[in-house]
Amino acid sequence: MDLRFLRSFFANPMRMGAAFPSGPLLAGQITDPIDFARARVIVELGPGTGAFTRMLVQRAHPACRVLALELDPDLAVYVAARYPRVEVINAGAQNLGEVLAERGLGQVDAVVSGLPFANFSAHQQTSVVDAVLAALRPGGAFVSYSFVHAQMLPTSWRFRRNLKRIFGRLDIYPVLFNAPPALVYSCVA
């Protein structure tokens, strides 16, 4: 296992949210709602060491731009070196609109999030989801996840309620064979 993720977790556990990278089954479920045949711009928020990034690169159309916003500068450098096709930006997710504008990009086809929303304040959750909604084209997908054990936290309840309210519908898919087990949240703009 790559120790970069674990070091980043111990340096800032609330920002990382997990001590270990997500597994391939979760990465598959996270990327399944994306229409890869049509997607031309996909954004990943919080790639960590690239568990979802790898799947995005494998599945994305050759003409698709894949961007990743990573707040941890060491992880951003690592993902950029490991996945040269991905435009890795050392920035917070709430800055998505500015990042897209700087690159001359309008709306995106999908946003995949590895962010630990259960660890976020109401303001942090809202600022990120608002940035995502503003960036998504109509019919674009927003896919995130939460660990099953976090479901008892009021912050998780708030996040799910807000997704339902903002997007009108929230589909939830369990991924029990992940360590720890997770729930994938899928919304369409």
C-alpha atoms as a PDB file:
ATOM      1  CA  MET A   1       0.000   0.000   0.000  1.00  0.00           C
ATOM      2  CA  ASP A   2       1.130   3.550  -0.759  1.00  0.00           C
ATOM      3  CA  LEU A   3       1.940   5.359   2.500  1.00  0.00           C
ATOM      4  CA  ARG A   4       1.204   8.829   1.048  1.00  0.00           C
ATOM      5  CA  PHE A   5      -2.501   8.479   1.775  1.00  0.00           C
ATOM      6  CA  LEU A   6      -1.904   7.275   5.342  1.00  0.00           C
ATOM      7  CA  ARG A   7       0.566  10.116   6.020  1.00  0.00           C
ATOM      8  CA  SER A   8      -1.930  12.659   4.712  1.00  0.00           C
ATOM      9  CA  PHE A   9      -4.646  11.116   6.874  1.00  0.00           C
ATOM     10  CA  PHE A  10      -2.555  11.413  10.042  1.00  0.00           C
ATOM     11  CA  ALA A  11      -1.553  14.974   9.125  1.00  0.00           C
ATOM     12  CA  ASN A  12      -5.200  16.019   8.715  1.00  0.00           C
ATOM     13  CA  PRO A  13      -7.773  13.260   9.396  1.00  0.00           C
ATOM     14  CA  MET A  14     -10.828  15.527   9.103  1.00  0.00           C
ATOM     15  CA  ARG A  15      -9.799  16.684   5.626  1.00  0.00           C
ATOM     16  CA  MET A  16      -8.897  13.180   4.416  1.00  0.00           C
ATOM     17  CA  GLY A  17     -11.819  11.333   6.015  1.00  0.00           C
ATOM     18  CA  ALA A  18     -10.268   7.858   5.611  1.00  0.00           C
ATOM     19  CA  ALA A  19      -6.995   6.208   6.485  1.00  0.00           C
ATOM     20  CA  PHE A  20      -6.894   4.069   3.334  1.00  0.00           C
ATOM     21  CA  PRO A  21      -7.736   4.650  -0.348  1.00  0.00           C
ATOM     22  CA  SER A  22     -11.036   3.409  -1.744  1.00  0.00           C
ATOM     23  CA  GLY A  23     -11.157  -0.009  -3.350  1.00  0.00           C
ATOM     24  CA  PRO A  24     -11.828  -0.944  -6.994  1.00  0.00           C
ATOM     25  CA  LEU A  25     -15.477  -1.929  -6.382  1.00  0.00           C
ATOM     26  CA  LEU A  26     -16.235   1.519  -4.952  1.00  0.00           C
ATOM     27  CA  ALA A  27     -14.337   3.152  -7.825  1.00  0.00           C
ATOM     28  CA  GLY A  28     -16.462   1.204 -10.284  1.00  0.00           C
ATOM     29  CA  GLN A  29     -19.733   2.202  -8.604  1.00  0.00           C
ATOM     30  CA  ILE A  30     -18.633   5.847  -8.379  1.00  0.00           C
ATOM     31  CA  THR A  31     -17.926   5.999 -12.109  1.00  0.00           C
ATOM     32  CA  ASP A  32     -20.892   3.922 -13.351  1.00  0.00           C
ATOM     33  CA  PRO A  33     -23.408   6.830 -13.485  1.00  0.00           C
ATOM     34  CA  ILE A  34     -21.203   8.741 -15.949  1.00  0.00           C
ATOM     35  CA  ASP A  35     -22.058   8.622 -19.662  1.00  0.00           C
ATOM     36  CA  PHE A  36     -18.461   8.132 -20.840  1.00  0.00           C
ATOM     37  CA  ALA A  37     -19.431   7.961 -24.516  1.00  0.00           C
ATOM     38  CA  ARG A  38     -20.702  11.565 -24.396  1.00  0.00           C
ATOM     39  CA  ALA A  39     -18.671  13.135 -21.574  1.00  0.00           C
ATOM     40  CA  ARG A  40     -16.066  15.650 -22.756  1.00  0.00           C
ATOM     41  CA  VAL A  41     -15.188  17.218 -19.376  1.00  0.00           C
ATOM     42  CA  ILE A  42     -15.103  15.295 -16.107  1.00  0.00           C
ATOM     43  CA  VAL A  43     -13.970  16.731 -12.784  1.00  0.00           C
ATOM     44  CA  GLU A  44     -12.803  14.800  -9.760  1.00  0.00           C
ATOM     45  CA  LEU A  45     -12.827  16.468  -6.357  1.00  0.00           C
ATOM     46  CA  GLY A  46     -10.310  15.145  -3.827  1.00  0.00           C
ATOM     47  CA  PRO A  47      -8.549  12.399  -5.795  1.00  0.00           C
ATOM     48  CA  GLY A  48      -6.242  11.455  -2.897  1.00  0.00           C
ATOM     49  CA  THR A  49      -3.850   8.910  -4.399  1.00  0.00           C
ATOM     50  CA  GLY A  50      -6.042   8.281  -7.437  1.00  0.00           C
ATOM     51  CA  ALA A  51      -8.353   5.339  -6.678  1.00  0.00           C
ATOM     52  CA  PHE A  52     -11.171   6.948  -8.700  1.00  0.00           C
ATOM     53  CA  THR A  53      -8.770   8.760 -11.026  1.00  0.00           C
ATOM     54  CA  ARG A  54      -7.468   5.471 -12.398  1.00  0.00           C
ATOM     55  CA  MET A  55     -10.997   4.358 -13.281  1.00  0.00           C
ATOM     56  CA  LEU A  56     -11.846   7.735 -14.839  1.00  0.00           C
ATOM     57  CA  VAL A  57      -8.735   7.626 -17.035  1.00  0.00           C
ATOM     58  CA  GLN A  58      -9.494   4.053 -18.119  1.00  0.00           C
ATOM     59  CA  ARG A  59     -13.128   4.754 -18.978  1.00  0.00           C
ATOM     60  CA  ALA A  60     -13.036   8.322 -20.356  1.00  0.00           C
ATOM     61  CA  HIS A  61     -13.297   8.920 -24.091  1.00  0.00           C
ATOM     62  CA  PRO A  62      -9.932   9.996 -25.611  1.00  0.00           C
ATOM     63  CA  ALA A  63     -11.410  13.443 -26.368  1.00  0.00           C
ATOM     64  CA  CYS A  64     -12.530  13.916 -22.747  1.00  0.00           C
ATOM     65  CA  ARG A  65     -10.654  16.312 -20.465  1.00  0.00           C
ATOM     66  CA  VAL A  66     -10.254  15.012 -16.931  1.00  0.00           C
ATOM     67  CA  LEU A  67      -9.523  17.559 -14.215  1.00  0.00           C
ATOM     68  CA  ALA A  68      -8.815  16.829 -10.555  1.00  0.00           C
ATOM     69  CA  LEU A  69      -8.891  19.336  -7.692  1.00  0.00           C
ATOM     70  CA  GLU A  70      -6.745  18.232  -4.752  1.00  0.00           C
ATOM     71  CA  LEU A  71      -6.164  20.431  -1.709  1.00  0.00           C
ATOM     72  CA  ASP A  72      -3.182  18.465  -0.349  1.00  0.00           C
ATOM     73  CA  PRO A  73      -0.148  19.666  -2.364  1.00  0.00           C
ATOM     74  CA  ASP A  74       1.784  16.397  -1.930  1.00  0.00           C
ATOM     75  CA  LEU A  75      -1.132  14.293  -3.144  1.00  0.00           C
ATOM     76  CA  ALA A  76      -1.707  16.705  -6.049  1.00  0.00           C
ATOM     77  CA  VAL A  77       1.912  16.238  -7.188  1.00  0.00           C
ATOM     78  CA  TYR A  78       1.619  12.465  -6.792  1.00  0.00           C
ATOM     79  CA  VAL A  79      -1.611  12.168  -8.823  1.00  0.00           C
ATOM     80  CA  ALA A  80      -0.255  14.488 -11.527  1.00  0.00           C
ATOM     81  CA  ALA A  81       2.861  12.317 -11.902  1.00  0.00           C
ATOM     82  CA  ARG A  82       0.926   9.047 -11.831  1.00  0.00           C
ATOM     83  CA  TYR A  83      -1.812  10.145 -14.269  1.00  0.00           C
ATOM     84  CA  PRO A  84      -0.299  12.558 -16.809  1.00  0.00           C
ATOM     85  CA  ARG A  85      -3.564  12.692 -18.781  1.00  0.00           C
ATOM     86  CA  VAL A  86      -5.295  14.350 -15.807  1.00  0.00           C
ATOM     87  CA  GLU A  87      -5.058  18.100 -15.235  1.00  0.00           C
ATOM     88  CA  VAL A  88      -4.404  18.197 -11.491  1.00  0.00           C
ATOM     89  CA  ILE A  89      -5.055  21.517  -9.796  1.00  0.00           C
ATOM     90  CA  ASN A  90      -4.000  22.234  -6.208  1.00  0.00           C
ATOM     91  CA  ALA A  91      -7.238  23.949  -5.177  1.00  0.00           C
ATOM     92  CA  GLY A  92     -10.283  23.521  -2.965  1.00  0.00           C
ATOM     93  CA  ALA A  93     -13.501  22.115  -4.404  1.00  0.00           C
ATOM     94  CA  GLN A  94     -15.423  25.304  -3.635  1.00  0.00           C
ATOM     95  CA  ASN A  95     -13.157  27.016  -6.210  1.00  0.00           C
ATOM     96  CA  LEU A  96     -14.406  24.791  -9.045  1.00  0.00           C
ATOM     97  CA  GLY A  97     -16.024  27.684 -10.927  1.00  0.00           C
ATOM     98  CA  GLU A  98     -12.812  29.723 -10.939  1.00  0.00           C
ATOM     99  CA  VAL A  99     -10.726  26.710 -11.971  1.00  0.00           C
ATOM    100  CA  LEU A 100     -13.026  26.051 -14.934  1.00  0.00           C
ATOM    101  CA  ALA A 101     -13.087  29.732 -15.943  1.00  0.00           C
ATOM    102  CA  GLU A 102      -9.272  29.915 -15.860  1.00  0.00           C
ATOM    103  CA  ARG A 103      -9.196  27.053 -18.364  1.00  0.00           C
ATOM    104  CA  GLY A 104     -11.904  28.483 -20.608  1.00  0.00           C
ATOM    105  CA  LEU A 105     -14.319  25.702 -19.703  1.00  0.00           C
ATOM    106  CA  GLY A 106     -18.033  26.199 -19.250  1.00  0.00           C
ATOM    107  CA  GLN A 107     -20.170  23.458 -17.841  1.00  0.00           C
ATOM    108  CA  VAL A 108     -18.934  19.922 -17.235  1.00  0.00           C
ATOM    109  CA  ASP A 109     -20.510  16.544 -17.888  1.00  0.00           C
ATOM    110  CA  ALA A 110     -19.762  14.923 -14.538  1.00  0.00           C
ATOM    111  CA  VAL A 111     -18.269  15.593 -11.136  1.00  0.00           C
ATOM    112  CA  VAL A 112     -16.971  12.723  -9.026  1.00  0.00           C
ATOM    113  CA  SER A 113     -16.205  13.441  -5.397  1.00  0.00           C
ATOM    114  CA  GLY A 114     -13.943  11.671  -2.952  1.00  0.00           C
ATOM    115  CA  LEU A 115     -14.469  14.398  -0.351  1.00  0.00           C
ATOM    116  CA  PRO A 116     -15.466  13.459   3.218  1.00  0.00           C
ATOM    117  CA  PHE A 117     -18.715  15.458   3.331  1.00  0.00           C
ATOM    118  CA  ALA A 118     -19.624  13.896   6.707  1.00  0.00           C
ATOM    119  CA  ASN A 119     -16.649  15.801   8.159  1.00  0.00           C
ATOM    120  CA  PHE A 120     -17.737  19.132   6.650  1.00  0.00           C
ATOM    121  CA  SER A 121     -19.654  21.950   8.287  1.00  0.00           C
ATOM    122  CA  ALA A 122     -22.975  23.021   6.786  1.00  0.00           C
ATOM    123  CA  HIS A 123     -21.234  25.968   5.117  1.00  0.00           C
ATOM    124  CA  GLN A 124     -18.514  23.750   3.603  1.00  0.00           C
ATOM    125  CA  GLN A 125     -21.045  21.236   2.288  1.00  0.00           C
ATOM    126  CA  THR A 126     -23.183  23.972   0.764  1.00  0.00           C
ATOM    127  CA  SER A 127     -20.295  25.840  -0.850  1.00  0.00           C
ATOM    128  CA  VAL A 128     -18.985  22.696  -2.546  1.00  0.00           C
ATOM    129  CA  VAL A 129     -22.401  21.431  -3.701  1.00  0.00           C
ATOM    130  CA  ASP A 130     -23.316  24.909  -4.989  1.00  0.00           C
ATOM    131  CA  ALA A 131     -20.048  25.016  -6.966  1.00  0.00           C
ATOM    132  CA  VAL A 132     -20.761  21.557  -8.388  1.00  0.00           C
ATOM    133  CA  LEU A 133     -24.325  22.442  -9.362  1.00  0.00           C
ATOM    134  CA  ALA A 134     -23.178  25.640 -11.073  1.00  0.00           C
ATOM    135  CA  ALA A 135     -20.551  23.675 -13.016  1.00  0.00           C
ATOM    136  CA  LEU A 136     -22.760  20.800 -14.209  1.00  0.00           C
ATOM    137  CA  ARG A 137     -24.511  20.935 -17.554  1.00  0.00           C
ATOM    138  CA  PRO A 138     -28.197  19.917 -17.548  1.00  0.00           C
ATOM    139  CA  GLY A 139     -28.244  16.124 -17.256  1.00  0.00           C
ATOM    140  CA  GLY A 140     -24.726  16.061 -15.834  1.00  0.00           C
ATOM    141  CA  ALA A 141     -23.920  13.611 -13.043  1.00  0.00           C
ATOM    142  CA  PHE A 142     -22.692  14.342  -9.526  1.00  0.00           C
ATOM    143  CA  VAL A 143     -21.458  11.221  -7.751  1.00  0.00           C
ATOM    144  CA  SER A 144     -20.113  11.048  -4.218  1.00  0.00           C
ATOM    145  CA  TYR A 145     -20.015   8.546  -1.399  1.00  0.00           C
ATOM    146  CA  SER A 146     -20.080   8.142   2.353  1.00  0.00           C
ATOM    147  CA  PHE A 147     -18.980   5.327   4.586  1.00  0.00           C
ATOM    148  CA  VAL A 148     -21.772   3.250   6.110  1.00  0.00           C
ATOM    149  CA  HIS A 149     -20.524   3.924   9.651  1.00  0.00           C
ATOM    150  CA  ALA A 150     -20.873   7.692   9.066  1.00  0.00           C
ATOM    151  CA  GLN A 151     -24.617   7.394   8.389  1.00  0.00           C
ATOM    152  CA  MET A 152     -25.415   7.986  12.050  1.00  0.00           C
ATOM    153  CA  LEU A 153     -23.785  11.433  12.001  1.00  0.00           C
ATOM    154  CA  PRO A 154     -26.072  14.466  11.703  1.00  0.00           C
ATOM    155  CA  THR A 155     -23.666  15.864   9.092  1.00  0.00           C
ATOM    156  CA  SER A 156     -24.388  12.842   6.871  1.00  0.00           C
ATOM    157  CA  TRP A 157     -28.144  13.282   7.283  1.00  0.00           C
ATOM    158  CA  ARG A 158     -27.800  16.966   6.389  1.00  0.00           C
ATOM    159  CA  PHE A 159     -25.721  16.157   3.295  1.00  0.00           C
ATOM    160  CA  ARG A 160     -28.252  13.613   1.987  1.00  0.00           C
ATOM    161  CA  ARG A 161     -31.195  15.968   2.663  1.00  0.00           C
ATOM    162  CA  ASN A 162     -29.423  18.776   0.828  1.00  0.00           C
ATOM    163  CA  LEU A 163     -28.628  16.575  -2.175  1.00  0.00           C
ATOM    164  CA  LYS A 164     -32.295  15.525  -2.404  1.00  0.00           C
ATOM    165  CA  ARG A 165     -33.461  19.119  -2.056  1.00  0.00           C
ATOM    166  CA  ILE A 166     -30.972  20.585  -4.545  1.00  0.00           C
ATOM    167  CA  PHE A 167     -31.066  17.878  -7.218  1.00  0.00           C
ATOM    168  CA  GLY A 168     -34.625  16.650  -6.629  1.00  0.00           C
ATOM    169  CA  ARG A 169     -33.525  13.031  -6.564  1.00  0.00           C
ATOM    170  CA  LEU A 170     -30.779  11.068  -4.864  1.00  0.00           C
ATOM    171  CA  ASP A 171     -30.004   7.456  -5.787  1.00  0.00           C
ATOM    172  CA  ILE A 172     -28.041   5.484  -3.199  1.00  0.00           C
ATOM    173  CA  TYR A 173     -26.086   2.310  -3.968  1.00  0.00           C
ATOM    174  CA  PRO A 174     -24.377   0.196  -1.289  1.00  0.00           C
ATOM    175  CA  VAL A 175     -20.820  -1.039  -1.799  1.00  0.00           C
ATOM    176  CA  LEU A 176     -20.448  -3.539   1.007  1.00  0.00           C
ATOM    177  CA  PHE A 177     -17.187  -5.057  -0.223  1.00  0.00           C
ATOM    178  CA  ASN A 178     -15.148  -1.921   0.385  1.00  0.00           C
ATOM    179  CA  ALA A 179     -13.042  -1.308   3.479  1.00  0.00           C
ATOM    180  CA  PRO A 180     -15.000   0.197   5.142  1.00  0.00           C
ATOM    181  CA  PRO A 181     -18.361  -0.420   3.442  1.00  0.00           C
ATOM    182  CA  ALA A 182     -19.748   2.631   1.642  1.00  0.00           C
ATOM    183  CA  LEU A 183     -22.833   4.136   0.050  1.00  0.00           C
ATOM    184  CA  VAL A 184     -22.569   5.803  -3.352  1.00  0.00           C
ATOM    185  CA  TYR A 185     -24.700   8.938  -3.825  1.00  0.00           C
ATOM    186  CA  SER A 186     -25.699   9.680  -7.417  1.00  0.00           C
ATOM    187  CA  CYS A 187     -27.537  12.825  -8.597  1.00  0.00           C
ATOM    188  CA  VAL A 188     -28.360  14.332 -11.974  1.00  0.00           C
ATOM    189  CA  ALA A 189     -28.485  18.085 -12.609  1.00  0.00           C
END
